[in-house]
Amino acid sequence: MAGLSGEDLSPRLRELATTRTLDHARILGAAMRVAYLISGSMPGVLPRTPMQVRNRKLTLRLVGKYKPLAGERVFGRLKQLGRLIGREPVIVTD
């Protein structure tokens, strides 16, 4: 995944941001990329497409009219997020 590695950071930014802060930023960014693809910037979509972590799995539920969103691109983004948090990505469409 493209992002900031330790070598890419300026010395000043390295002083300000801890490794934990950078990890949190990467996770938040990955979650936002999934959310943007799903919502298409349309209000009300995200509450109807829940994502949760259970039993070592990161599950995204796309049912009803949201089922067609379960494509390779969304799964790829979910996979990136899953890798960052150490969970297996799963899309449920039933």
PDB file of N, CA and C in Angstrom:
ATOM      1  N   MET A   1       0.847  -1.169   0.000  1.00  0.00           N
ATOM      2  CA  MET A   1       0.000   0.000   0.000  1.00  0.00           C
ATOM      3  C   MET A   1       0.888   1.226   0.000  1.00  0.00           C
ATOM      4  N   ALA A   2       0.513   2.181  -0.808  1.00  0.00           N
ATOM      5  CA  ALA A   2       1.273   3.426  -0.831  1.00  0.00           C
ATOM      6  C   ALA A   2       1.004   4.184   0.452  1.00  0.00           C
ATOM      7  N   GLY A   3       2.031   4.788   0.975  1.00  0.00           N
ATOM      8  CA  GLY A   3       1.860   5.536   2.210  1.00  0.00           C
ATOM      9  C   GLY A   3       3.193   6.047   2.692  1.00  0.00           C
ATOM     10  N   LEU A   4       3.185   6.518   3.888  1.00  0.00           N
ATOM     11  CA  LEU A   4       4.408   7.054   4.463  1.00  0.00           C
ATOM     12  C   LEU A   4       5.190   5.960   5.161  1.00  0.00           C
ATOM     13  N   SER A   5       6.417   5.803   4.770  1.00  0.00           N
ATOM     14  CA  SER A   5       7.308   4.922   5.513  1.00  0.00           C
ATOM     15  C   SER A   5       8.215   5.815   6.338  1.00  0.00           C
ATOM     16  N   GLY A   6       8.967   5.227   7.208  1.00  0.00           N
ATOM     17  CA  GLY A   6       9.868   6.007   8.043  1.00  0.00           C
ATOM     18  C   GLY A   6      10.845   6.837   7.238  1.00  0.00           C
ATOM     19  N   GLU A   7      11.288   6.319   6.079  1.00  0.00           N
ATOM     20  CA  GLU A   7      12.250   7.044   5.254  1.00  0.00           C
ATOM     21  C   GLU A   7      11.615   8.226   4.539  1.00  0.00           C
ATOM     22  N   ASP A   8      10.301   8.167   4.300  1.00  0.00           N
ATOM     23  CA  ASP A   8       9.607   9.220   3.563  1.00  0.00           C
ATOM     24  C   ASP A   8       9.308  10.446   4.419  1.00  0.00           C
ATOM     25  N   LEU A   9       9.434  10.332   5.711  1.00  0.00           N
ATOM     26  CA  LEU A   9       9.053  11.416   6.605  1.00  0.00           C
ATOM     27  C   LEU A   9      10.181  12.420   6.779  1.00  0.00           C
ATOM     28  N   SER A  10       9.789  13.676   6.854  1.00  0.00           N
ATOM     29  CA  SER A  10      10.781  14.701   7.133  1.00  0.00           C
ATOM     30  C   SER A  10      11.233  14.558   8.586  1.00  0.00           C
ATOM     31  N   PRO A  11      12.424  15.013   8.907  1.00  0.00           N
ATOM     32  CA  PRO A  11      12.891  14.922  10.297  1.00  0.00           C
ATOM     33  C   PRO A  11      11.941  15.617  11.272  1.00  0.00           C
ATOM     34  N   ARG A  12      11.370  16.734  10.875  1.00  0.00           N
ATOM     35  CA  ARG A  12      10.452  17.461  11.762  1.00  0.00           C
ATOM     36  C   ARG A  12       9.192  16.646  12.046  1.00  0.00           C
ATOM     37  N   LEU A  13       8.641  16.017  11.016  1.00  0.00           N
ATOM     38  CA  LEU A  13       7.454  15.198  11.199  1.00  0.00           C
ATOM     39  C   LEU A  13       7.761  13.992  12.074  1.00  0.00           C
ATOM     40  N   ARG A  14       8.934  13.420  11.900  1.00  0.00           N
ATOM     41  CA  ARG A  14       9.336  12.292  12.743  1.00  0.00           C
ATOM     42  C   ARG A  14       9.419  12.695  14.212  1.00  0.00           C
ATOM     43  N   GLU A  15       9.776  13.931  14.465  1.00  0.00           N
ATOM     44  CA  GLU A  15       9.822  14.422  15.847  1.00  0.00           C
ATOM     45  C   GLU A  15       8.420  14.544  16.434  1.00  0.00           C
ATOM     46  N   LEU A  16       7.471  14.920  15.615  1.00  0.00           N
ATOM     47  CA  LEU A  16       6.111  15.188  16.088  1.00  0.00           C
ATOM     48  C   LEU A  16       5.241  13.944  16.186  1.00  0.00           C
ATOM     49  N   ALA A  17       5.431  13.019  15.284  1.00  0.00           N
ATOM     50  CA  ALA A  17       4.545  11.858  15.205  1.00  0.00           C
ATOM     51  C   ALA A  17       5.247  10.592  15.680  1.00  0.00           C
ATOM     52  N   THR A  18       4.630   9.930  16.625  1.00  0.00           N
ATOM     53  CA  THR A  18       5.178   8.653  17.096  1.00  0.00           C
ATOM     54  C   THR A  18       4.819   7.559  16.100  1.00  0.00           C
ATOM     55  N   THR A  19       5.445   6.433  16.228  1.00  0.00           N
ATOM     56  CA  THR A  19       5.126   5.287  15.377  1.00  0.00           C
ATOM     57  C   THR A  19       3.670   4.899  15.547  1.00  0.00           C
ATOM     58  N   ARG A  20       3.198   4.947  16.769  1.00  0.00           N
ATOM     59  CA  ARG A  20       1.798   4.598  17.037  1.00  0.00           C
ATOM     60  C   ARG A  20       0.848   5.575  16.337  1.00  0.00           C
ATOM     61  N   THR A  21       1.171   6.854  16.383  1.00  0.00           N
ATOM     62  CA  THR A  21       0.342   7.862  15.716  1.00  0.00           C
ATOM     63  C   THR A  21       0.316   7.624  14.209  1.00  0.00           C
ATOM     64  N   LEU A  22       1.460   7.316  13.636  1.00  0.00           N
ATOM     65  CA  LEU A  22       1.521   7.044  12.202  1.00  0.00           C
ATOM     66  C   LEU A  22       0.740   5.785  11.844  1.00  0.00           C
ATOM     67  N   ASP A  23       0.819   4.764  12.681  1.00  0.00           N
ATOM     68  CA  ASP A  23       0.035   3.547  12.447  1.00  0.00           C
ATOM     69  C   ASP A  23      -1.458   3.851  12.479  1.00  0.00           C
ATOM     70  N   HIS A  24      -1.881   4.647  13.451  1.00  0.00           N
ATOM     71  CA  HIS A  24      -3.296   5.033  13.537  1.00  0.00           C
ATOM     72  C   HIS A  24      -3.720   5.818  12.300  1.00  0.00           C
ATOM     73  N   ALA A  25      -2.862   6.691  11.827  1.00  0.00           N
ATOM     74  CA  ALA A  25      -3.168   7.476  10.632  1.00  0.00           C
ATOM     75  C   ALA A  25      -3.308   6.576   9.409  1.00  0.00           C
ATOM     76  N   ARG A  26      -2.452   5.585   9.293  1.00  0.00           N
ATOM     77  CA  ARG A  26      -2.538   4.639   8.170  1.00  0.00           C
ATOM     78  C   ARG A  26      -3.848   3.858   8.222  1.00  0.00           C
ATOM     79  N   ILE A  27      -4.228   3.398   9.413  1.00  0.00           N
ATOM     80  CA  ILE A  27      -5.471   2.641   9.575  1.00  0.00           C
ATOM     81  C   ILE A  27      -6.679   3.519   9.246  1.00  0.00           C
ATOM     82  N   LEU A  28      -6.696   4.725   9.762  1.00  0.00           N
ATOM     83  CA  LEU A  28      -7.787   5.649   9.479  1.00  0.00           C
ATOM     84  C   LEU A  28      -7.877   5.944   7.981  1.00  0.00           C
ATOM     85  N   GLY A  29      -6.747   6.186   7.366  1.00  0.00           N
ATOM     86  CA  GLY A  29      -6.732   6.443   5.921  1.00  0.00           C
ATOM     87  C   GLY A  29      -7.272   5.262   5.129  1.00  0.00           C
ATOM     88  N   ALA A  30      -6.879   4.050   5.501  1.00  0.00           N
ATOM     89  CA  ALA A  30      -7.359   2.853   4.806  1.00  0.00           C
ATOM     90  C   ALA A  30      -8.867   2.681   4.991  1.00  0.00           C
ATOM     91  N   ALA A  31      -9.363   2.938   6.190  1.00  0.00           N
ATOM     92  CA  ALA A  31     -10.807   2.845   6.448  1.00  0.00           C
ATOM     93  C   ALA A  31     -11.570   3.889   5.637  1.00  0.00           C
ATOM     94  N   MET A  32     -11.009   5.077   5.537  1.00  0.00           N
ATOM     95  CA  MET A  32     -11.665   6.131   4.764  1.00  0.00           C
ATOM     96  C   MET A  32     -11.684   5.797   3.269  1.00  0.00           C
ATOM     97  N   ARG A  33     -10.660   5.127   2.773  1.00  0.00           N
ATOM     98  CA  ARG A  33     -10.651   4.733   1.366  1.00  0.00           C
ATOM     99  C   ARG A  33     -11.737   3.697   1.077  1.00  0.00           C
ATOM    100  N   VAL A  34     -11.942   2.754   2.004  1.00  0.00           N
ATOM    101  CA  VAL A  34     -13.040   1.790   1.848  1.00  0.00           C
ATOM    102  C   VAL A  34     -14.367   2.538   1.862  1.00  0.00           C
ATOM    103  N   ALA A  35     -14.556   3.396   2.851  1.00  0.00           N
ATOM    104  CA  ALA A  35     -15.816   4.132   2.999  1.00  0.00           C
ATOM    105  C   ALA A  35     -16.120   4.990   1.773  1.00  0.00           C
ATOM    106  N   TYR A  36     -15.117   5.627   1.217  1.00  0.00           N
ATOM    107  CA  TYR A  36     -15.345   6.493   0.058  1.00  0.00           C
ATOM    108  C   TYR A  36     -15.814   5.682  -1.141  1.00  0.00           C
ATOM    109  N   LEU A  37     -15.187   4.539  -1.380  1.00  0.00           N
ATOM    110  CA  LEU A  37     -15.612   3.698  -2.502  1.00  0.00           C
ATOM    111  C   LEU A  37     -17.053   3.231  -2.331  1.00  0.00           C
ATOM    112  N   ILE A  38     -17.410   2.866  -1.122  1.00  0.00           N
ATOM    113  CA  ILE A  38     -18.756   2.356  -0.869  1.00  0.00           C
ATOM    114  C   ILE A  38     -19.799   3.463  -0.989  1.00  0.00           C
ATOM    115  N   SER A  39     -19.512   4.597  -0.412  1.00  0.00           N
ATOM    116  CA  SER A  39     -20.516   5.657  -0.341  1.00  0.00           C
ATOM    117  C   SER A  39     -20.602   6.502  -1.605  1.00  0.00           C
ATOM    118  N   GLY A  40     -19.513   6.598  -2.354  1.00  0.00           N
ATOM    119  CA  GLY A  40     -19.510   7.482  -3.504  1.00  0.00           C
ATOM    120  C   GLY A  40     -19.861   8.908  -3.111  1.00  0.00           C
ATOM    121  N   SER A  41     -19.543   9.258  -1.882  1.00  0.00           N
ATOM    122  CA  SER A  41     -19.829  10.572  -1.305  1.00  0.00           C
ATOM    123  C   SER A  41     -21.327  10.849  -1.166  1.00  0.00           C
ATOM    124  N   MET A  42     -22.134   9.805  -1.175  1.00  0.00           N
ATOM    125  CA  MET A  42     -23.580   9.970  -1.016  1.00  0.00           C
ATOM    126  C   MET A  42     -23.948   9.788   0.461  1.00  0.00           C
ATOM    127  N   PRO A  43     -24.753  10.686   1.000  1.00  0.00           N
ATOM    128  CA  PRO A  43     -25.137  10.572   2.414  1.00  0.00           C
ATOM    129  C   PRO A  43     -26.041   9.367   2.663  1.00  0.00           C
ATOM    130  N   GLY A  44     -25.906   8.787   3.854  1.00  0.00           N
ATOM    131  CA  GLY A  44     -26.785   7.704   4.285  1.00  0.00           C
ATOM    132  C   GLY A  44     -26.368   6.305   3.891  1.00  0.00           C
ATOM    133  N   VAL A  45     -25.327   6.161   3.094  1.00  0.00           N
ATOM    134  CA  VAL A  45     -24.911   4.833   2.631  1.00  0.00           C
ATOM    135  C   VAL A  45     -24.155   4.076   3.725  1.00  0.00           C
ATOM    136  N   LEU A  46     -23.233   4.718   4.387  1.00  0.00           N
ATOM    137  CA  LEU A  46     -22.372   4.020   5.351  1.00  0.00           C
ATOM    138  C   LEU A  46     -23.136   3.359   6.503  1.00  0.00           C
ATOM    139  N   PRO A  47     -24.176   3.983   7.052  1.00  0.00           N
ATOM    140  CA  PRO A  47     -24.910   3.288   8.123  1.00  0.00           C
ATOM    141  C   PRO A  47     -25.585   1.999   7.644  1.00  0.00           C
ATOM    142  N   ARG A  48     -25.808   1.882   6.340  1.00  0.00           N
ATOM    143  CA  ARG A  48     -26.467   0.691   5.790  1.00  0.00           C
ATOM    144  C   ARG A  48     -25.479  -0.348   5.267  1.00  0.00           C
ATOM    145  N   THR A  49     -24.197  -0.055   5.403  1.00  0.00           N
ATOM    146  CA  THR A  49     -23.143  -0.973   4.938  1.00  0.00           C
ATOM    147  C   THR A  49     -22.117  -1.156   6.061  1.00  0.00           C
ATOM    148  N   PRO A  50     -22.515  -1.835   7.128  1.00  0.00           N
ATOM    149  CA  PRO A  50     -21.639  -1.919   8.303  1.00  0.00           C
ATOM    150  C   PRO A  50     -20.370  -2.739   8.065  1.00  0.00           C
ATOM    151  N   MET A  51     -19.330  -2.311   8.746  1.00  0.00           N
ATOM    152  CA  MET A  51     -18.054  -3.015   8.743  1.00  0.00           C
ATOM    153  C   MET A  51     -17.732  -3.301  10.205  1.00  0.00           C
ATOM    154  N   GLN A  52     -17.335  -4.529  10.489  1.00  0.00           N
ATOM    155  CA  GLN A  52     -17.025  -4.870  11.873  1.00  0.00           C
ATOM    156  C   GLN A  52     -15.914  -5.908  11.945  1.00  0.00           C
ATOM    157  N   VAL A  53     -15.284  -5.973  13.099  1.00  0.00           N
ATOM    158  CA  VAL A  53     -14.240  -6.963  13.354  1.00  0.00           C
ATOM    159  C   VAL A  53     -14.790  -7.966  14.352  1.00  0.00           C
ATOM    160  N   ARG A  54     -14.765  -9.236  13.958  1.00  0.00           N
ATOM    161  CA  ARG A  54     -15.187 -10.340  14.831  1.00  0.00           C
ATOM    162  C   ARG A  54     -14.419 -11.589  14.458  1.00  0.00           C
ATOM    163  N   ASN A  55     -13.999 -12.299  15.470  1.00  0.00           N
ATOM    164  CA  ASN A  55     -13.328 -13.588  15.250  1.00  0.00           C
ATOM    165  C   ASN A  55     -12.191 -13.501  14.230  1.00  0.00           C
ATOM    166  N   ARG A  56     -11.344 -12.500  14.398  1.00  0.00           N
ATOM    167  CA  ARG A  56     -10.165 -12.305  13.546  1.00  0.00           C
ATOM    168  C   ARG A  56     -10.506 -11.983  12.099  1.00  0.00           C
ATOM    169  N   LYS A  57     -11.756 -11.574  11.834  1.00  0.00           N
ATOM    170  CA  LYS A  57     -12.165 -11.214  10.478  1.00  0.00           C
ATOM    171  C   LYS A  57     -12.672  -9.774  10.448  1.00  0.00           C
ATOM    172  N   LEU A  58     -12.355  -9.099   9.368  1.00  0.00           N
ATOM    173  CA  LEU A  58     -12.871  -7.767   9.092  1.00  0.00           C
ATOM    174  C   LEU A  58     -13.977  -7.962   8.061  1.00  0.00           C
ATOM    175  N   THR A  59     -15.218  -7.776   8.490  1.00  0.00           N
ATOM    176  CA  THR A  59     -16.364  -8.083   7.639  1.00  0.00           C
ATOM    177  C   THR A  59     -17.085  -6.819   7.208  1.00  0.00           C
ATOM    178  N   LEU A  60     -17.317  -6.721   5.913  1.00  0.00           N
ATOM    179  CA  LEU A  60     -18.093  -5.637   5.320  1.00  0.00           C
ATOM    180  C   LEU A  60     -19.376  -6.250   4.792  1.00  0.00           C
ATOM    181  N   ARG A  61     -20.509  -5.729   5.225  1.00  0.00           N
ATOM    182  CA  ARG A  61     -21.810  -6.279   4.835  1.00  0.00           C
ATOM    183  C   ARG A  61     -22.433  -5.382   3.762  1.00  0.00           C
ATOM    184  N   LEU A  62     -22.605  -5.963   2.572  1.00  0.00           N
ATOM    185  CA  LEU A  62     -23.204  -5.256   1.444  1.00  0.00           C
ATOM    186  C   LEU A  62     -24.414  -6.053   0.975  1.00  0.00           C
ATOM    187  N   VAL A  63     -25.589  -5.679   1.436  1.00  0.00           N
ATOM    188  CA  VAL A  63     -26.809  -6.415   1.094  1.00  0.00           C
ATOM    189  C   VAL A  63     -27.801  -5.501   0.386  1.00  0.00           C
ATOM    190  N   GLY A  64     -28.809  -6.133  -0.199  1.00  0.00           N
ATOM    191  CA  GLY A  64     -29.840  -5.373  -0.901  1.00  0.00           C
ATOM    192  C   GLY A  64     -29.265  -4.609  -2.071  1.00  0.00           C
ATOM    193  N   LYS A  65     -29.648  -3.343  -2.166  1.00  0.00           N
ATOM    194  CA  LYS A  65     -29.202  -2.543  -3.301  1.00  0.00           C
ATOM    195  C   LYS A  65     -27.706  -2.235  -3.272  1.00  0.00           C
ATOM    196  N   TYR A  66     -27.031  -2.561  -2.165  1.00  0.00           N
ATOM    197  CA  TYR A  66     -25.587  -2.313  -2.050  1.00  0.00           C
ATOM    198  C   TYR A  66     -24.748  -3.526  -2.472  1.00  0.00           C
ATOM    199  N   LYS A  67     -25.410  -4.638  -2.724  1.00  0.00           N
ATOM    200  CA  LYS A  67     -24.710  -5.861  -3.121  1.00  0.00           C
ATOM    201  C   LYS A  67     -23.809  -5.673  -4.353  1.00  0.00           C
ATOM    202  N   PRO A  68     -24.231  -4.922  -5.373  1.00  0.00           N
ATOM    203  CA  PRO A  68     -23.363  -4.734  -6.546  1.00  0.00           C
ATOM    204  C   PRO A  68     -22.039  -4.016  -6.253  1.00  0.00           C
ATOM    205  N   LEU A  69     -21.924  -3.400  -5.098  1.00  0.00           N
ATOM    206  CA  LEU A  69     -20.667  -2.729  -4.739  1.00  0.00           C
ATOM    207  C   LEU A  69     -19.558  -3.717  -4.381  1.00  0.00           C
ATOM    208  N   ALA A  70     -19.906  -4.978  -4.207  1.00  0.00           N
ATOM    209  CA  ALA A  70     -18.936  -5.998  -3.785  1.00  0.00           C
ATOM    210  C   ALA A  70     -18.048  -6.426  -4.953  1.00  0.00           C
ATOM    211  N   GLY A  71     -17.216  -5.520  -5.398  1.00  0.00           N
ATOM    212  CA  GLY A  71     -16.318  -5.819  -6.509  1.00  0.00           C
ATOM    213  C   GLY A  71     -14.868  -5.920  -6.070  1.00  0.00           C
ATOM    214  N   GLU A  72     -14.007  -6.123  -7.050  1.00  0.00           N
ATOM    215  CA  GLU A  72     -12.574  -6.284  -6.783  1.00  0.00           C
ATOM    216  C   GLU A  72     -11.951  -5.056  -6.134  1.00  0.00           C
ATOM    217  N   ARG A  73     -12.372  -3.891  -6.589  1.00  0.00           N
ATOM    218  CA  ARG A  73     -11.760  -2.665  -6.063  1.00  0.00           C
ATOM    219  C   ARG A  73     -12.081  -2.477  -4.581  1.00  0.00           C
ATOM    220  N   VAL A  74     -13.327  -2.672  -4.211  1.00  0.00           N
ATOM    221  CA  VAL A  74     -13.717  -2.554  -2.799  1.00  0.00           C
ATOM    222  C   VAL A  74     -13.011  -3.639  -1.986  1.00  0.00           C
ATOM    223  N   PHE A  75     -12.963  -4.862  -2.515  1.00  0.00           N
ATOM    224  CA  PHE A  75     -12.288  -5.929  -1.774  1.00  0.00           C
ATOM    225  C   PHE A  75     -10.803  -5.626  -1.613  1.00  0.00           C
ATOM    226  N   GLY A  76     -10.191  -5.060  -2.631  1.00  0.00           N
ATOM    227  CA  GLY A  76      -8.775  -4.694  -2.532  1.00  0.00           C
ATOM    228  C   GLY A  76      -8.523  -3.682  -1.422  1.00  0.00           C
ATOM    229  N   ARG A  77      -9.399  -2.702  -1.327  1.00  0.00           N
ATOM    230  CA  ARG A  77      -9.261  -1.701  -0.261  1.00  0.00           C
ATOM    231  C   ARG A  77      -9.514  -2.321   1.103  1.00  0.00           C
ATOM    232  N   LEU A  78     -10.503  -3.208   1.181  1.00  0.00           N
ATOM    233  CA  LEU A  78     -10.787  -3.896   2.442  1.00  0.00           C
ATOM    234  C   LEU A  78      -9.600  -4.771   2.842  1.00  0.00           C
ATOM    235  N   LYS A  79      -8.989  -5.391   1.868  1.00  0.00           N
ATOM    236  CA  LYS A  79      -7.809  -6.230   2.111  1.00  0.00           C
ATOM    237  C   LYS A  79      -6.648  -5.401   2.665  1.00  0.00           C
ATOM    238  N   GLN A  80      -6.449  -4.195   2.126  1.00  0.00           N
ATOM    239  CA  GLN A  80      -5.399  -3.316   2.634  1.00  0.00           C
ATOM    240  C   GLN A  80      -5.656  -2.960   4.096  1.00  0.00           C
ATOM    241  N   LEU A  81      -6.890  -2.630   4.409  1.00  0.00           N
ATOM    242  CA  LEU A  81      -7.251  -2.307   5.791  1.00  0.00           C
ATOM    243  C   LEU A  81      -7.065  -3.533   6.681  1.00  0.00           C
ATOM    244  N   GLY A  82      -7.503  -4.682   6.216  1.00  0.00           N
ATOM    245  CA  GLY A  82      -7.353  -5.915   6.982  1.00  0.00           C
ATOM    246  C   GLY A  82      -5.895  -6.230   7.291  1.00  0.00           C
ATOM    247  N   ARG A  83      -5.037  -5.994   6.323  1.00  0.00           N
ATOM    248  CA  ARG A  83      -3.604  -6.233   6.523  1.00  0.00           C
ATOM    249  C   ARG A  83      -3.049  -5.325   7.624  1.00  0.00           C
ATOM    250  N   LEU A  84      -3.480  -4.073   7.624  1.00  0.00           N
ATOM    251  CA  LEU A  84      -2.994  -3.120   8.626  1.00  0.00           C
ATOM    252  C   LEU A  84      -3.423  -3.489  10.043  1.00  0.00           C
ATOM    253  N   ILE A  85      -4.600  -4.065  10.182  1.00  0.00           N
ATOM    254  CA  ILE A  85      -5.099  -4.401  11.521  1.00  0.00           C
ATOM    255  C   ILE A  85      -4.986  -5.888  11.833  1.00  0.00           C
ATOM    256  N   GLY A  86      -4.392  -6.643  10.931  1.00  0.00           N
ATOM    257  CA  GLY A  86      -4.160  -8.059  11.179  1.00  0.00           C
ATOM    258  C   GLY A  86      -5.419  -8.896  11.183  1.00  0.00           C
ATOM    259  N   ARG A  87      -6.340  -8.597  10.264  1.00  0.00           N
ATOM    260  CA  ARG A  87      -7.591  -9.337  10.177  1.00  0.00           C
ATOM    261  C   ARG A  87      -7.834  -9.785   8.738  1.00  0.00           C
ATOM    262  N   GLU A  88      -8.537 -10.898   8.590  1.00  0.00           N
ATOM    263  CA  GLU A  88      -8.879 -11.426   7.274  1.00  0.00           C
ATOM    264  C   GLU A  88     -10.096 -10.674   6.728  1.00  0.00           C
ATOM    265  N   PRO A  89     -10.003 -10.103   5.520  1.00  0.00           N
ATOM    266  CA  PRO A  89     -11.138  -9.367   4.973  1.00  0.00           C
ATOM    267  C   PRO A  89     -12.208 -10.292   4.397  1.00  0.00           C
ATOM    268  N   VAL A  90     -13.473  -9.960   4.654  1.00  0.00           N
ATOM    269  CA  VAL A  90     -14.600 -10.740   4.159  1.00  0.00           C
ATOM    270  C   VAL A  90     -15.701  -9.760   3.752  1.00  0.00           C
ATOM    271  N   ILE A  91     -16.301  -9.996   2.579  1.00  0.00           N
ATOM    272  CA  ILE A  91     -17.474  -9.221   2.182  1.00  0.00           C
ATOM    273  C   ILE A  91     -18.661 -10.175   2.199  1.00  0.00           C
ATOM    274  N   VAL A  92     -19.704  -9.800   2.936  1.00  0.00           N
ATOM    275  CA  VAL A  92     -20.934 -10.592   3.039  1.00  0.00           C
ATOM    276  C   VAL A  92     -21.992  -9.922   2.169  1.00  0.00           C
ATOM    277  N   THR A  93     -22.637 -10.721   1.292  1.00  0.00           N
ATOM    278  CA  THR A  93     -23.626 -10.150   0.384  1.00  0.00           C
ATOM    279  C   THR A  93     -24.985 -10.845   0.456  1.00  0.00           C
ATOM    280  N   ASP A  94     -25.275 -11.607   1.493  1.00  0.00           N
ATOM    281  CA  ASP A  94     -26.553 -12.302   1.565  1.00  0.00           C
ATOM    282  C   ASP A  94     -27.669 -11.457   2.105  1.00  0.00           C
TER     283      ASP A  94
END
